[in-house]
Amino acid sequence: MAQSAAARDLDVERDSDVPISTQIYWQLAYQIDSGRLQPGERLSPVRELGAALRVNPNTIRAVYRRLADAGYVTSRHGAGTVVADRPPKRRRPDELEAIVSELLRRGAQAGFTPDEVASATYAAATERKRPGDRVRVLFAECTSADAGYDAERLNAEFAGMIEAEGTLLDEIPDRLERFHYDLVATTTFHADEAQALVGGRTPVVAMLVGPGYVELVHEIAALPQGSHVGVVCASERGAESIAETLQIAGTRGVDIVAAIMGDDERLQEVDRTADVILMSRDALNAGYAARLHRPERVRQWTYEFDPAGLEILRRAIDHAAAEQAIADDASGRRNRSATLSRA
């Protein structure tokens, strides 16, 4: 019997520290996440896959049960195991694949094996679930480019004090579920949304942005009724956020035409109709401004932090560090007490 495509793409490293069942689970989950295995596609029968990989069929059964528990597949007697109609939604698998490839490449250049890179990554992820020496800040924005860029700016501003990471606003609950953060920061425009997504689990710091960004918002708000404003962004969520910000600022009677990166038809409509075009950092980095006939209409939808915003965050960092020191001291006293009692 011919192997399925999924079976041919699987590989088992028998001398790896990662259990074989986990290796197979990770590979099948990734094939589903990346779209290589489509909804409704049938996985290899248990015994067939076990024979192809030279693995006990009970190991394959355990992997399939784990995939089913995670929502990746469904299993029915007589129908086999198939990819679920709506498997778990994962974020940007291509982007993750590029990150992993780069990590493995750099590790190989430094003389590390893939297993050593994987074990170090796992150890680092485990550490991130617990409080660390530095204050951990999660900076949330509506585009991944802004979130990552601003997190690095904060790391530079508060060097040695914090570990800041960027995330999309919608991903806040998942990040807080998986990792430890002392603070969540965002701009004042997203403060209410961030508060709702955090749900009281971590303090939220709303940071002020510089006057240039505010002036841009006011420029759009002052446009005459009937004006057309183009928005070029990486995602629908980012475009919606820009529209919401303009509405909050008092923009009325202005027609907003949004184009998501990769949607050439909408981009042409923006180019044809817009009086002013707001472009996100993602779109600017991808060279979308050069694709427009009159690039002088482009306004960069980016911002700098106001010094007052940085000071607000600094105070929150100091407070979190002080609370961390108190907790560490209390933990040390408990450990000393337990040691004395055992003695």
Protein backbone atom coordinates (compact mmCIF):
# COMPACT_ATOMS: atom_id res chain seq x y z
CA MET A 1 0.00 0.00 0.00
CA ALA A 2 1.38 3.44 -0.91
CA GLN A 3 2.25 5.79 1.91
CA SER A 4 0.26 8.98 2.35
CA ALA A 5 2.04 12.28 1.73
CA ALA A 6 1.99 12.97 5.47
CA ALA A 7 3.71 9.66 6.23
CA ARG A 8 6.45 10.33 3.64
CA ASP A 9 7.14 13.77 5.15
CA LEU A 10 7.53 12.44 8.72
CA ASP A 11 10.94 11.75 10.18
CA VAL A 12 11.87 10.08 13.47
CA GLU A 13 15.20 10.74 15.21
CA ARG A 14 15.76 7.70 17.40
CA ASP A 15 18.76 9.13 19.25
CA SER A 16 16.94 12.37 20.13
CA ASP A 17 16.07 13.32 23.71
CA VAL A 18 12.59 14.25 22.45
CA PRO A 19 10.21 11.27 22.80
CA ILE A 20 9.25 9.68 19.48
CA SER A 21 5.54 10.25 20.13
CA THR A 22 6.19 13.96 20.69
CA GLN A 23 8.27 14.15 17.49
CA ILE A 24 5.43 12.67 15.45
CA TYR A 25 2.79 14.85 17.15
CA TRP A 26 4.75 18.05 16.53
CA GLN A 27 5.32 17.20 12.86
CA LEU A 28 1.68 16.31 12.17
CA ALA A 29 0.41 19.37 14.05
CA TYR A 30 2.76 21.56 12.02
CA GLN A 31 1.60 20.00 8.74
CA ILE A 32 -1.98 20.90 9.68
CA ASP A 33 -1.03 24.40 10.90
CA SER A 34 0.88 25.15 7.69
CA GLY A 35 -1.88 23.83 5.42
CA ARG A 36 0.10 20.89 4.08
CA LEU A 37 -2.67 18.70 5.49
CA GLN A 38 -6.07 20.12 4.60
CA PRO A 39 -9.42 19.74 6.45
CA GLY A 40 -11.02 16.44 5.53
CA GLU A 41 -7.73 14.83 4.52
CA ARG A 42 -7.27 11.38 5.98
CA LEU A 43 -4.20 10.46 8.00
CA SER A 44 -2.46 7.16 7.43
CA PRO A 45 -4.02 4.18 9.25
CA VAL A 46 -2.36 3.46 12.58
CA ARG A 47 -0.66 0.23 11.57
CA GLU A 48 0.42 1.59 8.18
CA LEU A 49 2.08 4.65 9.72
CA GLY A 50 3.63 2.55 12.48
CA ALA A 51 5.15 0.20 9.91
CA ALA A 52 6.41 3.08 7.74
CA LEU A 53 8.13 4.76 10.70
CA ARG A 54 9.09 1.46 12.42
CA VAL A 55 7.15 2.59 15.49
CA ASN A 56 4.81 0.59 17.73
CA PRO A 57 1.17 1.08 16.58
CA ASN A 58 0.21 1.98 20.17
CA THR A 59 2.53 5.01 19.89
CA ILE A 60 0.69 6.16 16.76
CA ARG A 61 -2.68 5.63 18.49
CA ALA A 62 -1.50 7.82 21.37
CA VAL A 63 -0.39 10.54 18.91
CA TYR A 64 -3.76 10.47 17.13
CA ARG A 65 -5.60 10.72 20.47
CA ARG A 66 -3.46 13.71 21.41
CA LEU A 67 -4.18 15.37 18.06
CA ALA A 68 -7.91 14.73 18.59
CA ASP A 69 -7.80 16.18 22.11
CA ALA A 70 -6.15 19.32 20.70
CA GLY A 71 -8.84 19.66 18.01
CA TYR A 72 -6.61 18.88 15.05
CA VAL A 73 -8.31 15.68 13.92
CA THR A 74 -11.46 13.66 14.35
CA SER A 75 -11.62 9.88 14.48
CA ARG A 76 -14.66 7.76 13.68
CA HIS A 77 -14.94 4.00 13.55
CA GLY A 78 -14.76 2.88 9.95
CA ALA A 79 -13.83 6.35 8.68
CA GLY A 80 -10.31 6.56 10.10
CA THR A 81 -8.62 9.72 11.36
CA VAL A 82 -9.14 12.88 9.32
CA VAL A 83 -8.07 16.51 9.71
CA ALA A 84 -10.84 18.43 11.47
CA ASP A 85 -13.09 20.72 9.42
CA ARG A 86 -11.99 23.61 11.67
CA PRO A 87 -8.61 22.73 13.20
CA PRO A 88 -7.12 25.08 15.83
CA LYS A 89 -6.28 28.43 14.28
CA ARG A 90 -2.56 29.14 14.52
CA ARG A 91 -0.94 32.48 13.83
CA ARG A 92 1.26 33.09 10.77
CA PRO A 93 2.82 29.62 10.30
CA ASP A 94 5.04 30.87 7.46
CA GLU A 95 6.49 33.58 9.68
CA LEU A 96 7.13 31.04 12.46
CA GLU A 97 8.81 28.68 9.98
CA ALA A 98 11.15 31.48 8.90
CA ILE A 99 12.06 32.24 12.52
CA VAL A 100 12.79 28.57 13.27
CA SER A 101 14.86 28.17 10.07
CA GLU A 102 16.95 31.20 10.97
CA LEU A 103 17.41 29.93 14.52
CA LEU A 104 18.59 26.52 13.28
CA ARG A 105 20.88 28.12 10.68
CA ARG A 106 22.57 30.35 13.23
CA GLY A 107 22.82 27.47 15.68
CA ALA A 108 24.54 25.31 13.04
CA GLN A 109 26.99 28.12 12.25
CA ALA A 110 27.90 28.20 15.95
CA GLY A 111 28.32 24.43 16.04
CA PHE A 112 25.08 23.43 17.77
CA THR A 113 22.90 20.51 16.66
CA PRO A 114 19.12 20.91 16.11
CA ASP A 115 18.54 18.91 19.32
CA GLU A 116 20.70 21.32 21.31
CA VAL A 117 18.84 24.31 19.84
CA ALA A 118 15.49 22.66 20.59
CA SER A 119 16.41 21.82 24.18
CA ALA A 120 17.69 25.35 24.82
CA THR A 121 14.51 26.79 23.32
CA TYR A 122 12.36 24.57 25.52
CA ALA A 123 14.37 25.49 28.62
CA ALA A 124 14.06 29.20 27.81
CA ALA A 125 10.30 28.85 27.29
CA THR A 126 9.99 27.09 30.64
CA GLU A 127 11.92 29.88 32.34
CA ARG A 128 9.57 32.47 30.80
CA LYS A 129 6.65 30.89 32.63
CA ARG A 130 8.16 31.99 35.96
CA PRO A 131 9.15 35.43 37.28
CA GLY A 132 12.67 36.38 36.23
CA ASP A 133 15.36 38.79 37.38
CA ARG A 134 14.11 41.58 35.13
CA VAL A 135 10.64 43.05 34.81
CA ARG A 136 8.89 41.37 31.90
CA VAL A 137 6.83 43.69 29.71
CA LEU A 138 4.40 42.61 27.00
CA PHE A 139 3.86 45.44 24.52
CA ALA A 140 0.64 45.06 22.52
CA GLU A 141 -0.26 46.76 19.25
CA CYS A 142 -2.59 46.15 16.31
CA THR A 143 0.21 45.25 13.86
CA SER A 144 3.05 42.81 14.40
CA ALA A 145 5.65 45.20 12.94
CA ASP A 146 4.73 47.99 15.36
CA ALA A 147 4.56 45.60 18.31
CA GLY A 148 8.02 44.16 17.65
CA TYR A 149 9.58 47.53 16.81
CA ASP A 150 8.21 49.22 19.91
CA ALA A 151 9.22 46.35 22.17
CA GLU A 152 12.81 46.73 20.97
CA ARG A 153 12.63 50.49 21.52
CA LEU A 154 11.54 49.87 25.10
CA ASN A 155 14.34 47.35 25.62
CA ALA A 156 16.82 50.00 24.49
CA GLU A 157 15.20 52.73 26.61
CA PHE A 158 15.20 50.62 29.77
CA ALA A 159 18.30 48.52 29.10
CA GLY A 160 19.11 46.16 31.95
CA MET A 161 15.76 46.77 33.66
CA ILE A 162 13.22 44.93 31.50
CA GLU A 163 12.65 42.20 28.95
CA ALA A 164 10.03 43.52 26.53
CA GLU A 165 8.28 41.45 23.87
CA GLY A 166 5.77 42.52 21.24
CA THR A 167 2.43 40.92 20.50
CA LEU A 168 -0.81 41.63 18.70
CA LEU A 169 -3.66 42.86 20.89
CA ASP A 170 -5.79 39.83 20.09
CA GLU A 171 -3.01 37.52 21.28
CA ILE A 172 -2.78 39.01 24.79
CA PRO A 173 -4.92 36.32 26.52
CA ASP A 174 -2.93 33.48 24.97
CA ARG A 175 0.42 35.05 25.88
CA LEU A 176 -0.64 35.64 29.48
CA GLU A 177 -1.88 32.06 29.67
CA ARG A 178 1.44 30.61 28.52
CA PHE A 179 4.06 32.98 29.96
CA HIS A 180 4.71 35.25 32.93
CA TYR A 181 4.61 39.02 32.43
CA ASP A 182 4.81 41.70 35.09
CA LEU A 183 3.25 44.43 32.93
CA VAL A 184 1.26 44.84 29.74
CA ALA A 185 1.91 48.11 27.90
CA THR A 186 0.17 49.70 24.94
CA THR A 187 -0.67 53.15 23.60
CA THR A 188 -3.53 55.18 25.01
CA PHE A 189 -5.52 54.44 21.84
CA HIS A 190 -5.74 50.75 22.79
CA ALA A 191 -5.89 51.07 26.57
CA ASP A 192 -9.54 50.05 27.00
CA GLU A 193 -9.19 47.08 24.67
CA ALA A 194 -6.02 45.90 26.39
CA GLN A 195 -7.64 46.20 29.82
CA ALA A 196 -10.53 44.02 28.66
CA LEU A 197 -8.23 41.40 27.14
CA VAL A 198 -5.96 41.29 30.21
CA GLY A 199 -8.95 40.83 32.50
CA GLY A 200 -7.19 42.06 35.64
CA ARG A 201 -4.42 39.43 35.53
CA THR A 202 -1.59 41.93 35.02
CA PRO A 203 -1.28 45.75 35.38
CA VAL A 204 -1.80 47.61 32.10
CA VAL A 205 0.21 50.75 31.29
CA ALA A 206 -1.29 53.14 28.70
CA MET A 207 1.53 55.14 27.11
CA LEU A 208 1.21 58.57 25.55
CA VAL A 209 2.51 59.05 22.01
CA GLY A 210 4.39 62.01 20.61
CA PRO A 211 2.81 65.13 19.11
CA GLY A 212 3.65 64.15 15.51
CA TYR A 213 1.24 61.23 15.62
CA VAL A 214 -1.46 63.35 17.22
CA GLU A 215 -0.98 66.00 14.54
CA LEU A 216 -1.46 63.35 11.85
CA VAL A 217 -4.71 62.20 13.44
CA HIS A 218 -5.90 65.80 13.64
CA GLU A 219 -4.91 66.35 9.98
CA ILE A 220 -7.22 63.54 8.93
CA ALA A 221 -9.98 64.69 11.26
CA ALA A 222 -9.85 68.15 9.66
CA LEU A 223 -10.34 66.90 6.10
CA PRO A 224 -13.50 68.19 4.41
CA GLN A 225 -16.50 65.91 4.21
CA GLY A 226 -16.40 63.63 1.21
CA SER A 227 -12.63 63.18 1.31
CA HIS A 228 -11.22 59.73 0.68
CA VAL A 229 -8.60 58.31 3.06
CA GLY A 230 -6.73 55.19 2.03
CA VAL A 231 -5.39 52.74 4.59
CA VAL A 232 -2.75 50.14 3.68
CA CYS A 233 -2.09 47.64 6.45
CA ALA A 234 -1.00 44.05 7.02
CA SER A 235 -4.31 42.82 8.42
CA GLU A 236 -8.02 43.59 8.63
CA ARG A 237 -7.55 44.04 12.37
CA GLY A 238 -4.92 46.73 11.82
CA ALA A 239 -7.08 48.59 9.30
CA GLU A 240 -10.05 48.48 11.68
CA SER A 241 -7.88 49.85 14.48
CA ILE A 242 -6.78 52.82 12.37
CA ALA A 243 -10.41 53.55 11.46
CA GLU A 244 -11.43 53.35 15.13
CA THR A 245 -8.64 55.74 16.14
CA LEU A 246 -9.75 58.27 13.52
CA GLN A 247 -13.35 57.99 14.68
CA ILE A 248 -12.35 58.58 18.31
CA ALA A 249 -10.41 61.65 17.16
CA GLY A 250 -13.59 63.11 15.67
CA THR A 251 -13.22 62.26 11.99
CA ARG A 252 -16.62 62.62 10.31
CA GLY A 253 -17.85 62.41 6.73
CA VAL A 254 -14.61 60.88 5.46
CA ASP A 255 -14.70 57.72 3.34
CA ILE A 256 -12.04 55.21 4.42
CA VAL A 257 -10.86 52.75 1.78
CA ALA A 258 -8.72 49.95 3.23
CA ALA A 259 -6.34 47.62 1.41
CA ILE A 260 -4.69 44.64 3.05
CA MET A 261 -1.18 43.78 1.91
CA GLY A 262 -1.40 41.32 -0.96
CA ASP A 263 -4.83 42.50 -2.12
CA ASP A 264 -3.79 44.18 -5.38
CA GLU A 265 -7.34 45.02 -6.43
CA ARG A 266 -8.03 47.00 -3.26
CA LEU A 267 -4.60 48.62 -3.44
CA GLN A 268 -5.43 49.88 -6.93
CA GLU A 269 -8.70 51.29 -5.59
CA VAL A 270 -6.82 53.13 -2.84
CA ASP A 271 -4.35 54.48 -5.40
CA ARG A 272 -7.17 55.61 -7.69
CA THR A 273 -9.48 57.26 -5.11
CA ALA A 274 -7.57 58.36 -1.99
CA ASP A 275 -6.72 61.96 -1.20
CA VAL A 276 -4.48 60.89 1.69
CA ILE A 277 -3.05 57.42 2.28
CA LEU A 278 -2.16 56.11 5.74
CA MET A 279 0.40 53.32 5.58
CA SER A 280 1.40 51.00 8.42
CA ARG A 281 4.98 50.12 9.28
CA ASP A 282 4.50 46.63 7.77
CA ALA A 283 3.40 48.13 4.44
CA LEU A 284 6.17 50.72 4.43
CA ASN A 285 8.80 48.04 5.11
CA ALA A 286 7.37 45.95 2.25
CA GLY A 287 7.77 48.86 -0.23
CA TYR A 288 4.09 49.54 -0.84
CA ALA A 289 4.61 53.32 -1.02
CA ALA A 290 6.65 52.88 -4.20
CA ARG A 291 3.71 51.08 -5.85
CA LEU A 292 1.52 54.21 -5.75
CA HIS A 293 1.30 56.79 -8.52
CA ARG A 294 1.45 59.81 -6.21
CA PRO A 295 3.50 58.76 -3.15
CA GLU A 296 3.34 62.32 -1.79
CA ARG A 297 -0.13 61.37 -0.50
CA VAL A 298 1.39 58.79 1.85
CA ARG A 299 1.48 59.47 5.58
CA GLN A 300 3.39 57.09 7.83
CA TRP A 301 1.04 55.64 10.43
CA THR A 302 3.80 55.42 13.00
CA TYR A 303 4.59 57.23 16.22
CA GLU A 304 7.21 58.04 18.81
CA PHE A 305 6.61 57.72 22.52
CA ASP A 306 6.08 60.97 24.40
CA PRO A 307 8.60 61.48 27.25
CA ALA A 308 5.66 61.55 29.66
CA GLY A 309 4.57 58.14 28.35
CA LEU A 310 8.04 56.71 28.96
CA GLU A 311 8.02 58.17 32.48
CA ILE A 312 4.68 56.50 33.23
CA LEU A 313 6.14 53.18 32.15
CA ARG A 314 9.32 53.78 34.14
CA ARG A 315 7.32 54.25 37.33
CA ALA A 316 5.35 51.08 36.65
CA ILE A 317 8.62 49.19 36.07
CA ASP A 318 10.07 50.48 39.34
CA HIS A 319 6.90 49.43 41.18
CA ALA A 320 6.95 45.95 39.62
CA ALA A 321 10.64 45.54 40.47
CA ALA A 322 10.00 46.54 44.09
CA GLU A 323 7.14 44.05 44.38
CA GLN A 324 9.36 41.38 42.84
CA ALA A 325 12.09 42.07 45.41
CA ILE A 326 9.58 41.79 48.26
CA ALA A 327 8.28 38.49 46.88
CA ASP A 328 11.84 37.14 46.48
CA ASP A 329 12.68 38.15 50.04
CA ALA A 330 9.56 36.45 51.41
CA SER A 331 10.36 33.32 49.41
CA GLY A 332 13.89 33.29 50.79
CA ARG A 333 12.61 33.57 54.36
CA ARG A 334 10.21 30.66 53.78
CA ASN A 335 12.99 28.51 52.37
CA ARG A 336 15.29 29.29 55.31
CA SER A 337 12.49 28.50 57.74
CA ALA A 338 11.79 25.19 56.03
CA THR A 339 15.49 24.29 56.14
CA LEU A 340 15.69 25.06 59.87
CA SER A 341 12.56 23.05 60.64
CA ARG A 342 13.95 20.01 58.81
CA ALA A 343 17.18 20.39 60.76
